[in-house]
């Protein structure tokens, strides 16, 4: 998102849990004020790959087993839930394509949405380099994937453009 044209509303996908929706594995949400502020400047498309993949809320925690290729996702009981993760990721990619969305703000460290780090499959809180299933699919499809710690990269140019746009409107009314 290098240029911001306020005549064209940008579209940003956001993990639903960051918007306050209780859709995480534990039935909770992880509201992020900056992510919620995006709605002031953009059309926000809430997504949850795990719900889209058919997981109930709540469900056992899941992690990507470190070093497995192809990626293997297991829940805390040891069940292989990889197919559900791939199905949910594919459905979310379809949502983004339908909305002409090229930017996503996703929940960090999640086995679906993590970008750069994910839990290692040991269920001990150990982080390793890696991408969640949905985050990787979106990235590979050309979507700019950010996590909640990077939302200001989107907000700052949008705020500046809004201020400049409003100043320009006031100048034409004078």
C-alpha atoms as a PDB file:
ATOM      1  CA  UNK A   1       0.000   0.000   0.000  1.00  0.00           C
ATOM      2  CA  UNK A   2       2.354   2.698  -1.185  1.00  0.00           C
ATOM      3  CA  UNK A   3      -0.270   5.068  -2.530  1.00  0.00           C
ATOM      4  CA  UNK A   4      -3.541   6.013  -0.900  1.00  0.00           C
ATOM      5  CA  UNK A   5      -6.367   7.393  -2.998  1.00  0.00           C
ATOM      6  CA  UNK A   6      -9.343   8.258  -0.822  1.00  0.00           C
ATOM      7  CA  UNK A   7     -11.641   8.026  -3.831  1.00  0.00           C
ATOM      8  CA  UNK A   8     -10.918   4.291  -3.797  1.00  0.00           C
ATOM      9  CA  UNK A   9     -11.434   2.655  -0.417  1.00  0.00           C
ATOM     10  CA  UNK A  10      -8.608   0.238   0.350  1.00  0.00           C
ATOM     11  CA  UNK A  11      -9.636  -3.285   1.363  1.00  0.00           C
ATOM     12  CA  UNK A  12      -7.790  -5.006   4.204  1.00  0.00           C
ATOM     13  CA  UNK A  13      -8.434  -8.490   5.565  1.00  0.00           C
ATOM     14  CA  UNK A  14      -8.053  -8.741   9.341  1.00  0.00           C
ATOM     15  CA  UNK A  15      -8.035 -11.775  11.614  1.00  0.00           C
ATOM     16  CA  UNK A  16     -11.479 -11.748  13.209  1.00  0.00           C
ATOM     17  CA  UNK A  17     -10.006 -12.344  16.680  1.00  0.00           C
ATOM     18  CA  UNK A  18      -8.085  -9.035  16.362  1.00  0.00           C
ATOM     19  CA  UNK A  19     -11.420  -7.322  15.727  1.00  0.00           C
ATOM     20  CA  UNK A  20     -12.781  -8.663  19.006  1.00  0.00           C
ATOM     21  CA  UNK A  21     -14.623 -11.705  17.723  1.00  0.00           C
ATOM     22  CA  UNK A  22     -14.364 -14.694  20.085  1.00  0.00           C
ATOM     23  CA  UNK A  23     -13.211 -17.199  17.473  1.00  0.00           C
ATOM     24  CA  UNK A  24      -9.858 -18.401  18.809  1.00  0.00           C
ATOM     25  CA  UNK A  25      -9.244 -22.030  19.753  1.00  0.00           C
ATOM     26  CA  UNK A  26      -9.967 -21.151  23.399  1.00  0.00           C
ATOM     27  CA  UNK A  27     -13.175 -19.261  22.605  1.00  0.00           C
ATOM     28  CA  UNK A  28     -11.535 -15.903  23.299  1.00  0.00           C
ATOM     29  CA  UNK A  29     -10.594 -12.940  21.155  1.00  0.00           C
ATOM     30  CA  UNK A  30      -7.408 -10.872  21.004  1.00  0.00           C
ATOM     31  CA  UNK A  31      -8.723  -7.357  20.305  1.00  0.00           C
ATOM     32  CA  UNK A  32      -6.150  -5.036  18.762  1.00  0.00           C
ATOM     33  CA  UNK A  33      -7.025  -1.339  18.861  1.00  0.00           C
ATOM     34  CA  UNK A  34      -4.870  -0.503  15.823  1.00  0.00           C
ATOM     35  CA  UNK A  35      -6.483  -3.283  13.769  1.00  0.00           C
ATOM     36  CA  UNK A  36      -9.943  -2.014  14.732  1.00  0.00           C
ATOM     37  CA  UNK A  37      -8.933   1.522  13.693  1.00  0.00           C
ATOM     38  CA  UNK A  38      -8.410   0.311  10.125  1.00  0.00           C
ATOM     39  CA  UNK A  39     -12.193   0.388   9.670  1.00  0.00           C
ATOM     40  CA  UNK A  40     -11.993   4.209   9.834  1.00  0.00           C
ATOM     41  CA  UNK A  41      -9.946   4.235   6.627  1.00  0.00           C
ATOM     42  CA  UNK A  42     -10.559   0.925   4.869  1.00  0.00           C
ATOM     43  CA  UNK A  43     -13.104  -1.688   4.068  1.00  0.00           C
ATOM     44  CA  UNK A  44     -12.228  -4.442   6.543  1.00  0.00           C
ATOM     45  CA  UNK A  45     -12.842  -8.083   5.643  1.00  0.00           C
ATOM     46  CA  UNK A  46     -12.835 -10.204   8.824  1.00  0.00           C
ATOM     47  CA  UNK A  47     -11.372 -13.676   8.316  1.00  0.00           C
ATOM     48  CA  UNK A  48     -10.758 -16.700  10.510  1.00  0.00           C
ATOM     49  CA  UNK A  49      -9.120 -19.591   8.678  1.00  0.00           C
ATOM     50  CA  UNK A  50      -9.776 -22.037  11.501  1.00  0.00           C
ATOM     51  CA  UNK A  51     -13.513 -21.307  11.565  1.00  0.00           C
ATOM     52  CA  UNK A  52     -13.516 -21.399   7.748  1.00  0.00           C
ATOM     53  CA  UNK A  53     -11.850 -24.820   7.987  1.00  0.00           C
ATOM     54  CA  UNK A  54     -14.666 -26.168  10.133  1.00  0.00           C
ATOM     55  CA  UNK A  55     -13.150 -26.035  13.597  1.00  0.00           C
ATOM     56  CA  UNK A  56     -15.643 -25.605  16.439  1.00  0.00           C
ATOM     57  CA  UNK A  57     -15.114 -22.877  19.019  1.00  0.00           C
ATOM     58  CA  UNK A  58     -13.495 -23.795  21.325  1.00  0.00           C
ATOM     59  CA  UNK A  59     -11.244 -26.608  20.108  1.00  0.00           C
ATOM     60  CA  UNK A  60      -7.936 -28.096  21.265  1.00  0.00           C
ATOM     61  CA  UNK A  61      -4.908 -25.877  20.599  1.00  0.00           C
ATOM     62  CA  UNK A  62      -3.042 -26.646  17.380  1.00  0.00           C
ATOM     63  CA  UNK A  63       0.572 -26.161  16.328  1.00  0.00           C
ATOM     64  CA  UNK A  64       2.691 -26.752  13.244  1.00  0.00           C
ATOM     65  CA  UNK A  65       5.209 -29.530  13.778  1.00  0.00           C
ATOM     66  CA  UNK A  66       8.618 -27.926  13.270  1.00  0.00           C
ATOM     67  CA  UNK A  67      10.576 -29.144  10.294  1.00  0.00           C
ATOM     68  CA  UNK A  68       7.802 -31.146   8.654  1.00  0.00           C
ATOM     69  CA  UNK A  69       7.496 -30.874   4.873  1.00  0.00           C
ATOM     70  CA  UNK A  70       4.870 -30.727   3.710  1.00  0.00           C
ATOM     71  CA  UNK A  71       3.575 -28.785   6.697  1.00  0.00           C
ATOM     72  CA  UNK A  72       1.804 -30.926   9.283  1.00  0.00           C
ATOM     73  CA  UNK A  73      -0.536 -29.397  11.873  1.00  0.00           C
ATOM     74  CA  UNK A  74      -1.532 -31.332  14.966  1.00  0.00           C
ATOM     75  CA  UNK A  75      -3.784 -30.562  17.900  1.00  0.00           C
ATOM     76  CA  UNK A  76      -2.818 -31.053  21.539  1.00  0.00           C
ATOM     77  CA  UNK A  77      -4.296 -34.577  21.477  1.00  0.00           C
ATOM     78  CA  UNK A  78      -1.940 -35.526  18.622  1.00  0.00           C
ATOM     79  CA  UNK A  79      -4.629 -35.580  15.916  1.00  0.00           C
ATOM     80  CA  UNK A  80      -3.508 -34.496  12.446  1.00  0.00           C
ATOM     81  CA  UNK A  81      -5.668 -31.485  11.517  1.00  0.00           C
ATOM     82  CA  UNK A  82      -3.646 -30.358   8.495  1.00  0.00           C
ATOM     83  CA  UNK A  83      -6.494 -30.774   5.996  1.00  0.00           C
ATOM     84  CA  UNK A  84      -8.791 -28.471   7.987  1.00  0.00           C
ATOM     85  CA  UNK A  85      -6.081 -25.825   8.055  1.00  0.00           C
ATOM     86  CA  UNK A  86      -5.569 -26.053   4.295  1.00  0.00           C
ATOM     87  CA  UNK A  87      -9.335 -25.950   3.657  1.00  0.00           C
ATOM     88  CA  UNK A  88      -9.759 -22.859   5.828  1.00  0.00           C
ATOM     89  CA  UNK A  89      -6.783 -21.135   4.209  1.00  0.00           C
ATOM     90  CA  UNK A  90      -8.207 -21.789   0.736  1.00  0.00           C
ATOM     91  CA  UNK A  91     -11.609 -20.407   1.721  1.00  0.00           C
ATOM     92  CA  UNK A  92      -9.991 -17.263   3.116  1.00  0.00           C
ATOM     93  CA  UNK A  93      -7.980 -16.764  -0.068  1.00  0.00           C
ATOM     94  CA  UNK A  94     -11.254 -16.972  -2.021  1.00  0.00           C
ATOM     95  CA  UNK A  95     -12.754 -14.321   0.291  1.00  0.00           C
ATOM     96  CA  UNK A  96      -9.824 -12.002  -0.340  1.00  0.00           C
ATOM     97  CA  UNK A  97      -9.973 -12.502  -4.088  1.00  0.00           C
ATOM     98  CA  UNK A  98     -13.729 -11.823  -4.102  1.00  0.00           C
ATOM     99  CA  UNK A  99     -13.121  -8.577  -2.186  1.00  0.00           C
ATOM    100  CA  UNK A 100     -10.120  -7.556  -4.340  1.00  0.00           C
ATOM    101  CA  UNK A 101      -8.048  -7.488  -1.156  1.00  0.00           C
ATOM    102  CA  UNK A 102      -4.269  -7.399  -1.369  1.00  0.00           C
ATOM    103  CA  UNK A 103      -3.354  -6.740   2.274  1.00  0.00           C
ATOM    104  CA  UNK A 104      -3.995  -8.854   5.370  1.00  0.00           C
ATOM    105  CA  UNK A 105      -3.348  -8.192   9.057  1.00  0.00           C
ATOM    106  CA  UNK A 106      -3.183 -11.563  10.758  1.00  0.00           C
ATOM    107  CA  UNK A 107      -2.696 -12.823  14.321  1.00  0.00           C
ATOM    108  CA  UNK A 108       0.958 -13.427  15.052  1.00  0.00           C
ATOM    109  CA  UNK A 109       2.318 -16.858  16.003  1.00  0.00           C
ATOM    110  CA  UNK A 110      -0.907 -18.667  15.045  1.00  0.00           C
ATOM    111  CA  UNK A 111      -0.699 -21.969  13.140  1.00  0.00           C
ATOM    112  CA  UNK A 112      -3.088 -20.372  10.631  1.00  0.00           C
ATOM    113  CA  UNK A 113      -2.060 -16.748  10.631  1.00  0.00           C
ATOM    114  CA  UNK A 114       1.482 -16.489  11.977  1.00  0.00           C
ATOM    115  CA  UNK A 115       3.944 -14.635   9.771  1.00  0.00           C
ATOM    116  CA  UNK A 116       7.591 -15.221  10.539  1.00  0.00           C
ATOM    117  CA  UNK A 117       7.187 -17.193  13.769  1.00  0.00           C
ATOM    118  CA  UNK A 118       4.905 -20.037  14.832  1.00  0.00           C
ATOM    119  CA  UNK A 119       4.805 -22.471  17.740  1.00  0.00           C
ATOM    120  CA  UNK A 120       6.880 -25.585  17.085  1.00  0.00           C
ATOM    121  CA  UNK A 121       4.389 -28.400  17.714  1.00  0.00           C
ATOM    122  CA  UNK A 122       5.721 -29.329  21.157  1.00  0.00           C
ATOM    123  CA  UNK A 123       2.984 -27.343  22.970  1.00  0.00           C
ATOM    124  CA  UNK A 124       5.652 -25.885  25.263  1.00  0.00           C
ATOM    125  CA  UNK A 125       5.403 -22.279  24.008  1.00  0.00           C
ATOM    126  CA  UNK A 126       8.532 -22.655  21.889  1.00  0.00           C
ATOM    127  CA  UNK A 127       8.594 -20.398  18.817  1.00  0.00           C
ATOM    128  CA  UNK A 128      10.400 -21.199  15.572  1.00  0.00           C
ATOM    129  CA  UNK A 129      10.749 -19.430  12.254  1.00  0.00           C
ATOM    130  CA  UNK A 130       7.811 -20.189  10.024  1.00  0.00           C
ATOM    131  CA  UNK A 131       4.492 -19.182   8.561  1.00  0.00           C
ATOM    132  CA  UNK A 132       0.987 -20.265   9.440  1.00  0.00           C
ATOM    133  CA  UNK A 133      -0.879 -22.231   6.787  1.00  0.00           C
ATOM    134  CA  UNK A 134      -3.206 -19.383   5.737  1.00  0.00           C
ATOM    135  CA  UNK A 135      -0.521 -16.699   6.022  1.00  0.00           C
ATOM    136  CA  UNK A 136       1.777 -18.688   3.717  1.00  0.00           C
ATOM    137  CA  UNK A 137      -0.973 -19.305   1.167  1.00  0.00           C
ATOM    138  CA  UNK A 138      -1.954 -15.621   1.113  1.00  0.00           C
ATOM    139  CA  UNK A 139       1.683 -14.510   0.887  1.00  0.00           C
ATOM    140  CA  UNK A 140       2.339 -16.914  -1.979  1.00  0.00           C
ATOM    141  CA  UNK A 141      -0.762 -15.551  -3.759  1.00  0.00           C
ATOM    142  CA  UNK A 142       0.671 -12.023  -3.628  1.00  0.00           C
ATOM    143  CA  UNK A 143      -1.126 -10.689  -0.553  1.00  0.00           C
ATOM    144  CA  UNK A 144       0.951  -8.391   1.671  1.00  0.00           C
ATOM    145  CA  UNK A 145       0.764 -10.187   5.049  1.00  0.00           C
ATOM    146  CA  UNK A 146       1.364  -8.242   8.261  1.00  0.00           C
ATOM    147  CA  UNK A 147       0.741  -9.081  11.890  1.00  0.00           C
ATOM    148  CA  UNK A 148      -0.888  -6.941  14.566  1.00  0.00           C
ATOM    149  CA  UNK A 149       2.459  -5.415  15.576  1.00  0.00           C
ATOM    150  CA  UNK A 150       2.815  -3.930  12.072  1.00  0.00           C
ATOM    151  CA  UNK A 151      -0.575  -2.231  11.672  1.00  0.00           C
ATOM    152  CA  UNK A 152       0.967   1.223  12.005  1.00  0.00           C
ATOM    153  CA  UNK A 153       2.658   0.584   8.626  1.00  0.00           C
ATOM    154  CA  UNK A 154      -0.871   0.815   7.193  1.00  0.00           C
ATOM    155  CA  UNK A 155      -2.407   3.367   9.536  1.00  0.00           C
ATOM    156  CA  UNK A 156       0.188   6.139   9.245  1.00  0.00           C
ATOM    157  CA  UNK A 157      -0.064   6.651   5.452  1.00  0.00           C
ATOM    158  CA  UNK A 158      -3.860   6.358   5.648  1.00  0.00           C
ATOM    159  CA  UNK A 159      -4.008   9.014   8.385  1.00  0.00           C
ATOM    160  CA  UNK A 160      -1.703  11.347   6.444  1.00  0.00           C
ATOM    161  CA  UNK A 161      -3.765  10.905   3.295  1.00  0.00           C
ATOM    162  CA  UNK A 162      -6.976  11.628   5.211  1.00  0.00           C
ATOM    163  CA  UNK A 163      -5.511  14.821   6.715  1.00  0.00           C
ATOM    164  CA  UNK A 164      -4.260  15.973   3.304  1.00  0.00           C
ATOM    165  CA  UNK A 165      -7.589  15.117   1.691  1.00  0.00           C
ATOM    166  CA  UNK A 166      -9.553  16.998   4.351  1.00  0.00           C
ATOM    167  CA  UNK A 167      -7.223  20.012   4.079  1.00  0.00           C
ATOM    168  CA  UNK A 168      -7.715  20.047   0.318  1.00  0.00           C
ATOM    169  CA  UNK A 169     -11.499  19.969   0.700  1.00  0.00           C
ATOM    170  CA  UNK A 170     -11.423  22.858   3.173  1.00  0.00           C
ATOM    171  CA  UNK A 171      -9.250  24.861   0.772  1.00  0.00           C
ATOM    172  CA  UNK A 172     -11.747  24.426  -2.073  1.00  0.00           C
ATOM    173  CA  UNK A 173     -14.645  25.517   0.154  1.00  0.00           C
ATOM    174  CA  UNK A 174     -12.971  28.761   1.262  1.00  0.00           C
END
